[in-house]
Amino acid sequence: RIYRFFDRPVGPHPVAMFEVNLFTPAQFGAFIPWLAINRGPLSVLIHPNTTNPGEELRNHSQRAIWMGERIPLDYSVLKNLE
């Protein structure tokens, strides 16, 4: 699933962004290598979307993987969700 492009900061993300959701290990295994080759100069944040309340901060920090330049996130937005 590919969501619409956000041309402004959304949540903890300080720059424009879009979101892609992957639902199976096979989708992840196919998409991530493709992304590594084709992302160009873009920075990419890869993180899980767990459904347990209060895990958004950990998903965006401890469980996150970056491709390209790491962009500082605004974690204060997520701390309010805990």
Protein backbone atom coordinates (compact mmCIF):
# COMPACT_ATOMS: atom_id res chain seq x y z
CA ARG A 1 0.00 0.00 0.00
CA ILE A 2 1.37 3.41 -0.99
CA TYR A 3 -0.16 6.45 0.67
CA ARG A 4 -0.40 9.99 -0.66
CA PHE A 5 2.53 12.38 -0.60
CA PHE A 6 2.63 14.78 2.35
CA ASP A 7 4.22 18.07 1.29
CA ARG A 8 4.64 19.23 4.89
CA PRO A 9 5.90 17.75 8.16
CA VAL A 10 3.63 15.03 9.59
CA GLY A 11 3.96 13.59 13.08
CA PRO A 12 7.62 13.17 14.01
CA HIS A 13 8.76 13.59 10.39
CA PRO A 14 10.24 17.10 9.89
CA VAL A 15 10.22 17.03 6.07
CA ALA A 16 7.82 16.07 3.28
CA MET A 17 7.26 12.33 3.07
CA PHE A 18 5.17 9.44 1.83
CA GLU A 19 4.46 6.08 3.37
CA VAL A 20 4.60 2.55 2.01
CA ASN A 21 3.18 -0.31 4.06
CA LEU A 22 4.43 -3.86 3.63
CA PHE A 23 2.40 -6.70 5.09
CA THR A 24 4.42 -9.90 4.65
CA PRO A 25 8.05 -10.96 5.00
CA ALA A 26 8.02 -11.71 1.25
CA GLN A 27 6.94 -8.15 0.43
CA PHE A 28 9.62 -6.76 2.75
CA GLY A 29 12.26 -9.05 1.24
CA ALA A 30 11.40 -7.93 -2.28
CA PHE A 31 10.92 -4.22 -1.62
CA ILE A 32 13.87 -3.32 0.61
CA PRO A 33 16.61 -4.45 -1.84
CA TRP A 34 14.76 -2.66 -4.66
CA LEU A 35 14.58 0.46 -2.50
CA ALA A 36 18.30 0.27 -1.67
CA ILE A 37 19.13 0.30 -5.38
CA ASN A 38 16.51 2.79 -6.59
CA ARG A 39 16.05 5.38 -3.83
CA GLY A 40 18.56 7.78 -5.38
CA PRO A 41 19.51 10.61 -3.01
CA LEU A 42 16.41 10.21 -0.84
CA SER A 43 16.62 9.41 2.85
CA VAL A 44 14.43 6.49 3.86
CA LEU A 45 13.18 5.63 7.33
CA ILE A 46 12.11 2.01 7.70
CA HIS A 47 10.23 1.13 10.86
CA PRO A 48 7.56 -1.28 12.07
CA ASN A 49 3.97 -0.24 12.59
CA THR A 50 3.01 -2.22 15.65
CA THR A 51 -0.48 -1.96 17.07
CA ASN A 52 0.44 -1.95 20.76
CA PRO A 53 -0.30 1.40 22.42
CA GLY A 54 2.76 3.43 23.38
CA GLU A 55 5.20 1.76 20.97
CA GLU A 56 5.38 4.52 18.34
CA LEU A 57 8.44 6.12 19.95
CA ARG A 58 10.34 2.82 19.99
CA ASN A 59 9.20 2.04 16.42
CA HIS A 60 10.62 5.35 15.15
CA SER A 61 13.85 5.20 17.19
CA GLN A 62 15.13 1.87 18.55
CA ARG A 63 13.44 -0.29 15.90
CA ALA A 64 14.13 2.04 12.97
CA ILE A 65 16.57 1.57 10.09
CA TRP A 66 17.79 4.44 7.89
CA MET A 67 18.92 4.36 4.29
CA GLY A 68 20.78 7.50 3.30
CA GLU A 69 21.15 10.56 5.47
CA ARG A 70 19.55 10.22 8.90
CA ILE A 71 17.06 13.04 9.44
CA PRO A 72 16.43 14.03 13.07
CA LEU A 73 12.83 13.29 14.04
CA ASP A 74 10.67 15.24 16.48
CA TYR A 75 10.22 12.59 19.15
CA SER A 76 8.24 14.97 21.39
CA VAL A 77 5.20 14.28 19.20
CA LEU A 78 5.49 10.58 19.93
CA LYS A 79 6.20 10.95 23.64
CA ASN A 80 2.77 12.54 23.98
CA LEU A 81 1.22 9.31 22.66
CA GLU A 82 2.69 7.08 25.39
